[in-house]
């Protein structure tokens, strides 16, 4: 400064933009109808599936789909998955991921726009909000008005229904992990356990916050898929696209001019009504180009088509189109969407390989699992007659609903004898072991080798277990230890 004084401090500039509430406008059309159909089907599956019954026997759960974490079982209709078969879940997750890649390569974020649970519940919550507070313009006006009894009543009604939906949704989620009728009766009689109350509260709170408050922020900032999906797209992927070659330049249409006169002034079909922005649940302007935040819900297509109908112009100013299709339309060139291309072939092939492998493994799955743990302390015991004995913890997993008997034999060392701790410890060449239905039977088995038989400190040993009824077999490789 000329007088030597310090310059005034520069005004602080925030690097972050304050969140602005998005109030999407209601719209009707084919994509809005499709979204409501998806909401109805998906919510129907979610709430009805836990109540479907499935007869598995007297001592088994009667719920068709039940993820029983207490017993460590996944029951899916006629399929029962045990904890050691977690690789099936891995296969399902791989199929889901690659299937999502394939859907994105074909039609962009179609999953986000129609199938994502967050989208489904958000659509439901927005519909409740519109019921109590009116459509977009009325909600915006109400936000700017002071608090009155009417405003409080409308807000309270909206949040009460939101919370009710959240609690019902939480019950639907918990019903997949415990018997649904029992959970309902416990809730009606106020006899819920602390675990049930905890998870009901967590699921209800997360539904209320994410579907009611965060909405598009979940998709923009918390979900990683918008950033990943850009790598899944190519020039032939269908995405919601504004046809700038037809719409620009944008501007209002004068009532005194026709479309030919408007074109002579350098304007296109877009009258800059911003209806596409007002109906967008993400609050973006599709006319500015492809954006990672666009969820491909198609509501802007419905809004634009409606305006084009009113203006007497062809539909499709905003449409599901690929980059290649848009370029072809701009050049008035023919275009045919290549559904079968390298990217889709690779994704389909991967899904086929994984699905085939899962079907093969499942078709050959065993109802018998054997686990053998050799005692480490002591490593071996020398008997009075010079024989060497090792101890093993033997676990038999019986995945059937019947009592089973199994014959246990050994191979690898000649002259071995078997006995079970706690029972008659008379050594025998084979043992008969029992396993209760749907359980793991545990035995402590002694293996004795005659004196002078061992030729090394460690000798391979194979346990062979055979079901006396079905003759299904299980094997486990271990070692027998002796002195050096």
Protein backbone atom coordinates (compact mmCIF):
# COMPACT_ATOMS: atom_id res chain seq x y z
CA UNK A 1 0.00 0.00 0.00
CA UNK A 2 1.29 3.58 -0.69
CA UNK A 3 1.00 4.51 2.99
CA UNK A 4 2.84 1.40 4.09
CA UNK A 5 -0.18 -0.25 5.69
CA UNK A 6 -0.87 -3.95 5.21
CA UNK A 7 -3.20 -4.90 2.33
CA UNK A 8 -6.70 -6.01 3.35
CA UNK A 9 -7.02 -9.79 3.72
CA UNK A 10 -8.37 -11.58 0.69
CA UNK A 11 -11.76 -13.13 1.20
CA UNK A 12 -11.51 -16.83 1.96
CA UNK A 13 -12.63 -19.07 -0.88
CA UNK A 14 -14.01 -22.45 0.08
CA UNK A 15 -12.80 -25.45 -1.89
CA UNK A 16 -16.07 -27.26 -1.20
CA UNK A 17 -19.53 -26.45 -2.46
CA UNK A 18 -22.37 -26.51 0.02
CA UNK A 19 -24.88 -29.24 -0.66
CA UNK A 20 -28.05 -28.11 -2.37
CA UNK A 21 -31.16 -30.19 -1.85
CA UNK A 22 -32.35 -31.76 -5.08
CA UNK A 23 -36.10 -31.82 -5.57
CA UNK A 24 -36.77 -33.98 -8.65
CA UNK A 25 -39.95 -33.19 -10.51
CA UNK A 26 -42.52 -35.92 -11.11
CA UNK A 27 -42.70 -37.11 -14.70
CA UNK A 28 -44.68 -39.72 -16.61
CA UNK A 29 -43.55 -41.82 -19.53
CA UNK A 30 -42.26 -45.21 -20.54
CA UNK A 31 -39.10 -45.10 -18.42
CA UNK A 32 -40.95 -43.81 -15.36
CA UNK A 33 -43.43 -46.67 -15.82
CA UNK A 34 -40.56 -49.13 -16.16
CA UNK A 35 -38.97 -47.81 -12.99
CA UNK A 36 -42.21 -48.19 -11.03
CA UNK A 37 -42.51 -51.74 -12.36
CA UNK A 38 -38.96 -52.47 -11.20
CA UNK A 39 -39.73 -50.99 -7.77
CA UNK A 40 -42.86 -53.14 -7.43
CA UNK A 41 -41.14 -56.36 -8.52
CA UNK A 42 -37.98 -55.89 -6.45
CA UNK A 43 -39.79 -54.81 -3.30
CA UNK A 44 -42.24 -57.67 -3.78
CA UNK A 45 -39.40 -60.18 -3.96
CA UNK A 46 -37.67 -58.59 -0.96
CA UNK A 47 -40.71 -58.68 1.32
CA UNK A 48 -42.38 -61.90 0.13
CA UNK A 49 -39.38 -64.22 -0.23
CA UNK A 50 -38.77 -64.76 3.54
CA UNK A 51 -42.39 -65.89 4.00
CA UNK A 52 -42.24 -68.72 1.45
CA UNK A 53 -42.17 -72.08 3.20
CA UNK A 54 -40.04 -75.10 2.25
CA UNK A 55 -40.30 -78.54 3.86
CA UNK A 56 -36.85 -79.89 4.82
CA UNK A 57 -37.96 -82.24 7.57
CA UNK A 58 -38.92 -82.04 11.21
CA UNK A 59 -35.61 -80.77 12.55
CA UNK A 60 -34.79 -78.33 9.73
CA UNK A 61 -35.85 -74.71 9.14
CA UNK A 62 -39.06 -74.37 7.15
CA UNK A 63 -38.15 -71.08 5.47
CA UNK A 64 -37.35 -71.27 1.75
CA UNK A 65 -34.55 -68.69 1.87
CA UNK A 66 -32.75 -68.39 5.19
CA UNK A 67 -29.20 -67.29 5.95
CA UNK A 68 -28.89 -68.93 9.35
CA UNK A 69 -25.73 -67.46 10.86
CA UNK A 70 -26.33 -69.16 14.21
CA UNK A 71 -26.16 -72.64 12.68
CA UNK A 72 -23.76 -71.55 9.96
CA UNK A 73 -26.04 -72.59 7.07
CA UNK A 74 -27.43 -70.92 3.99
CA UNK A 75 -30.77 -72.45 3.02
CA UNK A 76 -31.92 -71.54 -0.49
CA UNK A 77 -34.96 -73.64 -1.36
CA UNK A 78 -33.58 -77.17 -1.88
CA UNK A 79 -29.95 -76.12 -1.50
CA UNK A 80 -28.07 -76.12 1.81
CA UNK A 81 -24.68 -74.41 1.92
CA UNK A 82 -22.26 -75.14 4.76
CA UNK A 83 -19.51 -72.77 5.99
CA UNK A 84 -16.77 -74.79 4.31
CA UNK A 85 -18.58 -74.33 0.99
CA UNK A 86 -18.06 -70.57 1.02
CA UNK A 87 -16.54 -70.87 -2.45
CA UNK A 88 -20.10 -71.00 -3.80
CA UNK A 89 -20.60 -67.47 -2.48
CA UNK A 90 -17.36 -66.46 -4.18
CA UNK A 91 -18.67 -67.83 -7.46
CA UNK A 92 -21.96 -65.97 -7.07
CA UNK A 93 -20.11 -62.71 -6.39
CA UNK A 94 -17.92 -63.23 -9.47
CA UNK A 95 -21.01 -63.86 -11.60
CA UNK A 96 -22.68 -60.75 -10.19
CA UNK A 97 -19.61 -58.58 -10.82
CA UNK A 98 -19.03 -59.78 -14.37
CA UNK A 99 -22.77 -59.57 -15.06
CA UNK A 100 -22.64 -55.95 -13.94
CA UNK A 101 -19.70 -55.38 -16.28
CA UNK A 102 -21.70 -56.89 -19.14
CA UNK A 103 -24.80 -54.82 -18.38
CA UNK A 104 -22.67 -51.66 -18.23
CA UNK A 105 -20.96 -52.45 -21.52
CA UNK A 106 -24.38 -52.85 -23.14
CA UNK A 107 -26.43 -50.11 -21.48
CA UNK A 108 -24.29 -48.04 -19.15
CA UNK A 109 -25.44 -47.65 -15.54
CA UNK A 110 -28.71 -49.43 -16.22
CA UNK A 111 -28.35 -51.29 -12.92
CA UNK A 112 -28.04 -48.02 -11.01
CA UNK A 113 -31.09 -46.54 -12.66
CA UNK A 114 -33.48 -49.48 -12.26
CA UNK A 115 -32.14 -52.28 -10.05
CA UNK A 116 -29.94 -50.81 -7.32
CA UNK A 117 -31.59 -51.12 -3.87
CA UNK A 118 -30.61 -47.54 -3.06
CA UNK A 119 -32.42 -46.33 -6.18
CA UNK A 120 -35.49 -48.44 -5.39
CA UNK A 121 -35.87 -47.13 -1.83
CA UNK A 122 -35.03 -43.56 -2.86
CA UNK A 123 -37.80 -43.65 -5.49
CA UNK A 124 -40.21 -44.81 -2.79
CA UNK A 125 -39.12 -42.09 -0.35
CA UNK A 126 -39.36 -39.34 -2.98
CA UNK A 127 -42.89 -40.49 -3.81
CA UNK A 128 -43.84 -40.19 -0.13
CA UNK A 129 -42.26 -36.74 -0.01
CA UNK A 130 -44.27 -35.60 -3.03
CA UNK A 131 -47.46 -36.94 -1.42
CA UNK A 132 -47.02 -34.81 1.71
CA UNK A 133 -45.22 -31.76 0.35
CA UNK A 134 -46.31 -31.54 -3.27
CA UNK A 135 -44.30 -31.62 -6.48
CA UNK A 136 -40.97 -29.93 -7.09
CA UNK A 137 -42.08 -26.29 -7.32
CA UNK A 138 -44.25 -26.55 -4.20
CA UNK A 139 -41.47 -28.22 -2.22
CA UNK A 140 -38.98 -25.52 -3.21
CA UNK A 141 -41.41 -22.79 -2.20
CA UNK A 142 -42.12 -24.50 1.12
CA UNK A 143 -38.41 -24.71 1.89
CA UNK A 144 -38.20 -20.92 1.69
CA UNK A 145 -41.25 -20.20 3.84
CA UNK A 146 -41.12 -19.79 7.63
CA UNK A 147 -42.18 -22.63 9.88
CA UNK A 148 -45.91 -22.82 10.40
CA UNK A 149 -48.22 -25.44 11.88
CA UNK A 150 -49.09 -26.62 8.38
CA UNK A 151 -45.44 -26.94 7.39
CA UNK A 152 -44.61 -28.82 10.59
CA UNK A 153 -47.52 -31.19 10.03
CA UNK A 154 -46.50 -31.94 6.45
CA UNK A 155 -42.86 -32.49 7.41
CA UNK A 156 -43.83 -34.63 10.40
CA UNK A 157 -46.13 -36.77 8.26
CA UNK A 158 -43.41 -37.33 5.68
CA UNK A 159 -40.80 -38.34 8.25
CA UNK A 160 -43.26 -40.58 10.10
CA UNK A 161 -43.97 -42.54 6.91
CA UNK A 162 -40.25 -42.61 6.08
CA UNK A 163 -39.52 -44.11 9.48
CA UNK A 164 -42.35 -46.60 9.12
CA UNK A 165 -40.99 -47.74 5.75
CA UNK A 166 -37.50 -47.95 7.28
CA UNK A 167 -38.70 -50.17 10.14
CA UNK A 168 -40.66 -52.44 7.79
CA UNK A 169 -37.62 -52.65 5.48
CA UNK A 170 -35.40 -53.49 8.45
CA UNK A 171 -37.81 -56.27 9.42
CA UNK A 172 -37.68 -57.57 5.84
CA UNK A 173 -33.89 -57.65 5.95
CA UNK A 174 -33.73 -59.38 9.34
CA UNK A 175 -36.31 -61.94 8.14
CA UNK A 176 -33.67 -63.36 5.80
CA UNK A 177 -31.50 -64.24 8.82
CA UNK A 178 -34.11 -65.68 11.18
CA UNK A 179 -37.49 -67.34 10.86
CA UNK A 180 -39.88 -64.65 9.59
CA UNK A 181 -43.09 -65.76 11.41
CA UNK A 182 -41.18 -66.13 14.67
CA UNK A 183 -39.62 -62.70 14.27
CA UNK A 184 -43.03 -61.18 13.53
CA UNK A 185 -44.59 -62.81 16.60
CA UNK A 186 -41.71 -61.62 18.80
CA UNK A 187 -42.18 -58.09 17.46
CA UNK A 188 -45.94 -58.14 18.08
CA UNK A 189 -45.51 -59.45 21.63
CA UNK A 190 -42.60 -57.06 22.35
CA UNK A 191 -40.35 -60.05 23.00
CA UNK A 192 -37.51 -59.23 20.62
CA UNK A 193 -34.01 -60.21 21.68
CA UNK A 194 -31.26 -57.64 22.09
CA UNK A 195 -29.58 -58.89 18.90
CA UNK A 196 -32.81 -58.53 16.92
CA UNK A 197 -33.38 -55.03 18.27
CA UNK A 198 -29.81 -54.03 17.46
CA UNK A 199 -29.95 -55.16 13.86
CA UNK A 200 -33.47 -53.82 13.35
CA UNK A 201 -32.27 -50.45 14.60
CA UNK A 202 -29.16 -50.47 12.40
CA UNK A 203 -31.04 -51.44 9.24
CA UNK A 204 -33.86 -48.99 9.92
CA UNK A 205 -31.49 -46.10 10.63
CA UNK A 206 -29.38 -46.76 7.54
CA UNK A 207 -32.48 -46.97 5.32
CA UNK A 208 -33.90 -43.75 6.76
CA UNK A 209 -30.63 -41.83 6.38
CA UNK A 210 -29.57 -43.09 2.96
CA UNK A 211 -32.94 -43.12 1.18
CA UNK A 212 -34.36 -40.06 2.92
CA UNK A 213 -31.43 -37.73 3.46
CA UNK A 214 -28.32 -38.60 1.46
CA UNK A 215 -30.03 -39.83 -1.73
CA UNK A 216 -27.90 -38.73 -4.70
CA UNK A 217 -24.90 -38.11 -2.43
CA UNK A 218 -24.61 -41.86 -1.94
CA UNK A 219 -24.25 -42.31 -5.70
CA UNK A 220 -21.97 -39.32 -6.21
CA UNK A 221 -19.54 -39.63 -3.31
CA UNK A 222 -19.86 -42.99 -1.54
CA UNK A 223 -20.50 -45.55 -4.29
CA UNK A 224 -17.33 -46.49 -6.22
CA UNK A 225 -19.20 -47.78 -9.25
CA UNK A 226 -19.58 -44.42 -11.09
CA UNK A 227 -15.79 -44.24 -11.35
CA UNK A 228 -15.31 -47.89 -12.21
CA UNK A 229 -18.06 -48.00 -14.84
CA UNK A 230 -16.29 -45.51 -17.07
CA UNK A 231 -13.72 -48.22 -17.82
CA UNK A 232 -16.50 -50.63 -18.78
CA UNK A 233 -17.97 -48.38 -21.49
CA UNK A 234 -17.04 -48.23 -25.14
CA UNK A 235 -18.30 -46.29 -28.16
CA UNK A 236 -21.19 -48.74 -28.60
CA UNK A 237 -22.52 -48.67 -25.01
CA UNK A 238 -26.02 -47.28 -24.72
CA UNK A 239 -26.16 -44.25 -22.41
CA UNK A 240 -28.60 -41.39 -21.98
CA UNK A 241 -27.39 -38.90 -24.56
CA UNK A 242 -28.38 -35.40 -25.61
CA UNK A 243 -28.27 -35.05 -29.38
CA UNK A 244 -26.43 -31.73 -29.54
CA UNK A 245 -26.24 -31.82 -33.32
CA UNK A 246 -30.00 -31.50 -33.33
CA UNK A 247 -30.68 -29.45 -30.20
CA UNK A 248 -28.02 -26.71 -30.24
CA UNK A 249 -28.03 -23.81 -30.21
CA UNK A 250 -30.44 -23.79 -27.29
CA UNK A 251 -32.93 -21.06 -26.52
CA UNK A 252 -36.63 -20.26 -26.08
CA UNK A 253 -38.85 -20.42 -29.12
CA UNK A 254 -40.73 -17.30 -30.12
CA UNK A 255 -44.44 -17.75 -30.58
CA UNK A 256 -44.34 -15.69 -33.76
CA UNK A 257 -41.85 -17.91 -35.56
CA UNK A 258 -41.99 -21.40 -36.99
CA UNK A 259 -39.25 -24.00 -36.77
CA UNK A 260 -37.77 -23.09 -40.16
CA UNK A 261 -37.39 -19.48 -39.11
CA UNK A 262 -35.88 -20.61 -35.80
CA UNK A 263 -33.35 -22.77 -37.67
CA UNK A 264 -32.42 -19.78 -39.83
CA UNK A 265 -31.52 -17.91 -36.65
CA UNK A 266 -29.14 -20.77 -35.77
CA UNK A 267 -31.23 -22.45 -33.07
CA UNK A 268 -31.99 -26.14 -32.71
CA UNK A 269 -34.87 -28.13 -31.27
CA UNK A 270 -33.94 -27.58 -27.60
CA UNK A 271 -36.03 -24.71 -26.22
CA UNK A 272 -33.97 -24.65 -22.99
CA UNK A 273 -36.98 -25.50 -20.82
CA UNK A 274 -34.67 -27.34 -18.34
CA UNK A 275 -37.30 -30.04 -17.79
CA UNK A 276 -34.58 -32.67 -18.20
CA UNK A 277 -32.67 -31.10 -15.30
CA UNK A 278 -35.75 -30.71 -13.10
CA UNK A 279 -36.73 -34.39 -13.30
CA UNK A 280 -33.19 -35.73 -12.83
CA UNK A 281 -32.77 -37.41 -9.40
CA UNK A 282 -29.06 -36.62 -9.57
CA UNK A 283 -29.59 -32.95 -10.40
CA UNK A 284 -27.31 -33.00 -13.44
CA UNK A 285 -27.73 -31.47 -16.88
CA UNK A 286 -27.44 -34.22 -19.47
CA UNK A 287 -27.03 -31.59 -22.20
CA UNK A 288 -23.50 -30.77 -21.03
CA UNK A 289 -22.23 -34.19 -22.14
CA UNK A 290 -21.63 -37.66 -20.71
CA UNK A 291 -21.25 -37.63 -16.93
CA UNK A 292 -20.20 -40.29 -14.45
CA UNK A 293 -23.02 -39.26 -12.08
CA UNK A 294 -25.76 -40.08 -14.59
CA UNK A 295 -27.55 -43.27 -13.48
CA UNK A 296 -29.23 -43.94 -16.85
CA UNK A 297 -32.73 -43.87 -15.37
CA UNK A 298 -34.20 -42.32 -18.53
CA UNK A 299 -36.46 -39.82 -16.73
CA UNK A 300 -34.94 -36.96 -18.71
CA UNK A 301 -35.90 -38.86 -21.88
CA UNK A 302 -39.52 -38.95 -20.72
CA UNK A 303 -39.49 -35.24 -19.89
CA UNK A 304 -37.90 -34.23 -23.19
CA UNK A 305 -40.17 -36.47 -25.27
CA UNK A 306 -43.18 -34.84 -23.63
CA UNK A 307 -41.93 -31.36 -24.55
CA UNK A 308 -41.14 -32.46 -28.10
CA UNK A 309 -44.70 -33.80 -28.41
CA UNK A 310 -46.07 -30.43 -27.27
CA UNK A 311 -43.83 -28.61 -29.72
CA UNK A 312 -44.72 -30.89 -32.60
CA UNK A 313 -41.12 -32.04 -33.01
CA UNK A 314 -39.78 -35.61 -33.32
CA UNK A 315 -38.94 -37.45 -30.15
CA UNK A 316 -35.39 -38.52 -29.37
CA UNK A 317 -33.66 -35.21 -28.64
CA UNK A 318 -32.55 -37.04 -25.50
CA UNK A 319 -32.36 -40.80 -25.93
CA UNK A 320 -30.53 -43.98 -25.06
CA UNK A 321 -27.82 -43.98 -27.71
CA UNK A 322 -24.16 -44.87 -28.05
CA UNK A 323 -21.44 -42.42 -29.02
CA UNK A 324 -21.11 -44.15 -32.36
CA UNK A 325 -24.86 -43.95 -32.94
CA UNK A 326 -24.91 -40.24 -32.10
CA UNK A 327 -22.09 -39.57 -34.56
CA UNK A 328 -23.88 -41.59 -37.24
CA UNK A 329 -27.14 -39.73 -36.68
CA UNK A 330 -25.35 -36.39 -36.90
CA UNK A 331 -23.82 -37.45 -40.23
CA UNK A 332 -27.15 -38.91 -41.45
CA UNK A 333 -25.36 -42.26 -41.81
CA UNK A 334 -26.87 -45.72 -41.13
CA UNK A 335 -25.99 -47.41 -37.87
CA UNK A 336 -26.62 -50.86 -36.40
CA UNK A 337 -25.83 -51.52 -32.76
CA UNK A 338 -23.22 -54.33 -32.52
CA UNK A 339 -24.42 -56.21 -29.44
CA UNK A 340 -21.90 -59.00 -30.06
CA UNK A 341 -18.44 -57.47 -29.84
CA UNK A 342 -15.12 -58.28 -28.17
CA UNK A 343 -16.01 -56.79 -24.80
CA UNK A 344 -19.39 -58.50 -24.50
CA UNK A 345 -17.98 -61.80 -25.77
CA UNK A 346 -15.28 -61.78 -23.08
CA UNK A 347 -17.73 -60.96 -20.28
CA UNK A 348 -20.20 -63.60 -21.47
CA UNK A 349 -17.44 -66.19 -21.78
CA UNK A 350 -16.18 -65.50 -18.26
CA UNK A 351 -19.70 -65.82 -16.88
CA UNK A 352 -20.19 -69.05 -18.80
CA UNK A 353 -16.96 -70.56 -17.48
CA UNK A 354 -17.70 -69.59 -13.87
CA UNK A 355 -21.31 -70.80 -14.08
CA UNK A 356 -20.25 -74.10 -15.65
CA UNK A 357 -17.59 -74.65 -13.00
CA UNK A 358 -20.09 -73.93 -10.23
CA UNK A 359 -22.67 -76.29 -11.71
CA UNK A 360 -20.05 -79.02 -12.09
CA UNK A 361 -18.81 -78.63 -8.52
CA UNK A 362 -22.35 -78.46 -7.17
CA UNK A 363 -23.43 -81.49 -9.17
CA UNK A 364 -20.54 -83.48 -7.71
CA UNK A 365 -20.68 -82.04 -4.19
CA UNK A 366 -20.27 -84.54 -1.38
CA UNK A 367 -22.55 -84.91 1.61
CA UNK A 368 -19.53 -86.02 3.59
CA UNK A 369 -16.51 -83.99 4.67
CA UNK A 370 -13.54 -85.32 6.61
CA UNK A 371 -11.07 -83.25 8.62
CA UNK A 372 -8.13 -84.78 10.48
CA UNK A 373 -5.86 -82.92 12.90
CA UNK A 374 -2.82 -84.74 14.23
CA UNK A 375 -1.84 -84.09 17.86
CA UNK A 376 1.35 -82.06 18.21
CA UNK A 377 2.02 -82.74 21.88
CA UNK A 378 3.30 -85.36 22.14
CA UNK A 379 4.24 -86.03 18.54
CA UNK A 380 4.15 -89.78 19.19
CA UNK A 381 4.03 -92.28 22.05
CA UNK A 382 6.20 -95.39 22.32
CA UNK A 383 4.24 -98.33 23.76
CA UNK A 384 5.56 -101.14 26.01
CA UNK A 385 5.75 -103.59 23.12
CA UNK A 386 7.77 -101.13 21.03
CA UNK A 387 4.87 -100.01 18.88
CA UNK A 388 4.41 -96.33 17.99
CA UNK A 389 1.12 -94.52 18.47
CA UNK A 390 -0.10 -91.19 17.07
CA UNK A 391 -3.31 -89.43 18.10
CA UNK A 392 -5.63 -87.63 15.66
CA UNK A 393 -8.73 -85.51 16.10
CA UNK A 394 -11.14 -86.83 13.53
CA UNK A 395 -14.14 -84.71 12.40
CA UNK A 396 -16.94 -86.04 10.22
CA UNK A 397 -19.36 -83.57 8.69
CA UNK A 398 -22.68 -85.24 7.93
CA UNK A 399 -24.58 -82.92 5.56
CA UNK A 400 -27.64 -85.15 5.33
CA UNK A 401 -30.80 -85.19 7.45
CA UNK A 402 -30.28 -88.85 8.49
CA UNK A 403 -28.10 -90.68 10.99
CA UNK A 404 -25.05 -92.07 9.22
CA UNK A 405 -22.54 -94.82 9.93
CA UNK A 406 -19.07 -94.78 8.41
CA UNK A 407 -16.28 -97.35 8.06
CA UNK A 408 -12.83 -95.92 8.75
CA UNK A 409 -9.72 -97.58 7.35
CA UNK A 410 -6.11 -96.60 6.74
CA UNK A 411 -3.65 -97.02 3.92
CA UNK A 412 -0.01 -96.17 3.53
CA UNK A 413 1.50 -98.17 6.40
CA UNK A 414 1.09 -101.94 6.72
CA UNK A 415 -0.15 -103.45 9.98
CA UNK A 416 -1.72 -100.29 11.42
CA UNK A 417 -4.43 -100.60 14.06
CA UNK A 418 -7.17 -98.14 15.01
CA UNK A 419 -8.94 -97.34 18.26
CA UNK A 420 -11.14 -94.56 19.63
CA UNK A 421 -10.25 -92.76 22.85
CA UNK A 422 -12.82 -93.17 25.61
CA UNK A 423 -14.22 -96.37 24.14
CA UNK A 424 -12.87 -99.90 24.10
CA UNK A 425 -9.31 -99.23 23.10
CA UNK A 426 -8.96 -102.59 21.42
CA UNK A 427 -7.04 -101.98 18.24
CA UNK A 428 -8.69 -103.06 15.00
CA UNK A 429 -8.00 -102.81 11.30
CA UNK A 430 -11.17 -100.73 10.81
CA UNK A 431 -13.61 -98.70 12.89
CA UNK A 432 -17.29 -97.86 12.56
CA UNK A 433 -18.09 -94.25 13.44
CA UNK A 434 -21.49 -92.60 13.80
CA UNK A 435 -22.60 -89.05 12.87
CA UNK A 436 -25.90 -87.41 13.77
CA UNK A 437 -27.95 -85.65 11.08
CA UNK A 438 -26.75 -82.24 9.91
CA UNK A 439 -23.89 -82.13 12.37
CA UNK A 440 -20.16 -82.54 12.88
CA UNK A 441 -19.12 -85.64 14.83
CA UNK A 442 -15.73 -85.44 16.57
CA UNK A 443 -13.61 -88.44 17.60
CA UNK A 444 -10.12 -88.83 19.03
CA UNK A 445 -8.60 -91.68 17.04
CA UNK A 446 -5.42 -93.55 17.96
CA UNK A 447 -3.30 -95.06 15.18
CA UNK A 448 -0.80 -97.69 16.28
CA UNK A 449 2.04 -99.07 14.17
CA UNK A 450 3.84 -102.31 15.18
CA UNK A 451 7.46 -102.14 16.28
CA UNK A 452 10.00 -102.19 13.46
CA UNK A 453 7.48 -101.13 10.79
CA UNK A 454 8.52 -97.51 10.35
CA UNK A 455 11.43 -96.73 8.05
CA UNK A 456 11.36 -92.92 8.38
CA UNK A 457 10.53 -90.24 10.91
CA UNK A 458 7.52 -89.16 8.84
CA UNK A 459 5.42 -91.53 6.77
CA UNK A 460 2.42 -90.56 4.58
CA UNK A 461 -0.89 -91.89 5.82
CA UNK A 462 -4.36 -91.80 4.19
CA UNK A 463 -7.61 -91.99 6.13
CA UNK A 464 -10.45 -93.53 4.15
CA UNK A 465 -14.02 -93.04 5.31
CA UNK A 466 -16.92 -94.85 3.61
CA UNK A 467 -20.65 -94.34 4.23
CA UNK A 468 -22.11 -97.75 5.02
CA UNK A 469 -25.42 -96.80 3.39
CA UNK A 470 -24.67 -94.72 0.29
CA UNK A 471 -21.02 -95.90 -0.03
CA UNK A 472 -20.02 -92.28 -0.46
CA UNK A 473 -16.36 -91.94 0.37
CA UNK A 474 -14.12 -89.29 1.85
CA UNK A 475 -10.35 -89.30 2.14
CA UNK A 476 -7.82 -87.22 4.03
CA UNK A 477 -4.05 -87.30 3.69
CA UNK A 478 -1.90 -86.92 6.77
CA UNK A 479 1.41 -88.20 8.17
CA UNK A 480 2.46 -90.61 10.86
CA UNK A 481 5.43 -89.52 12.99
CA UNK A 482 7.92 -91.75 14.75
CA UNK A 483 11.44 -91.61 16.19
CA UNK A 484 14.36 -90.59 13.99
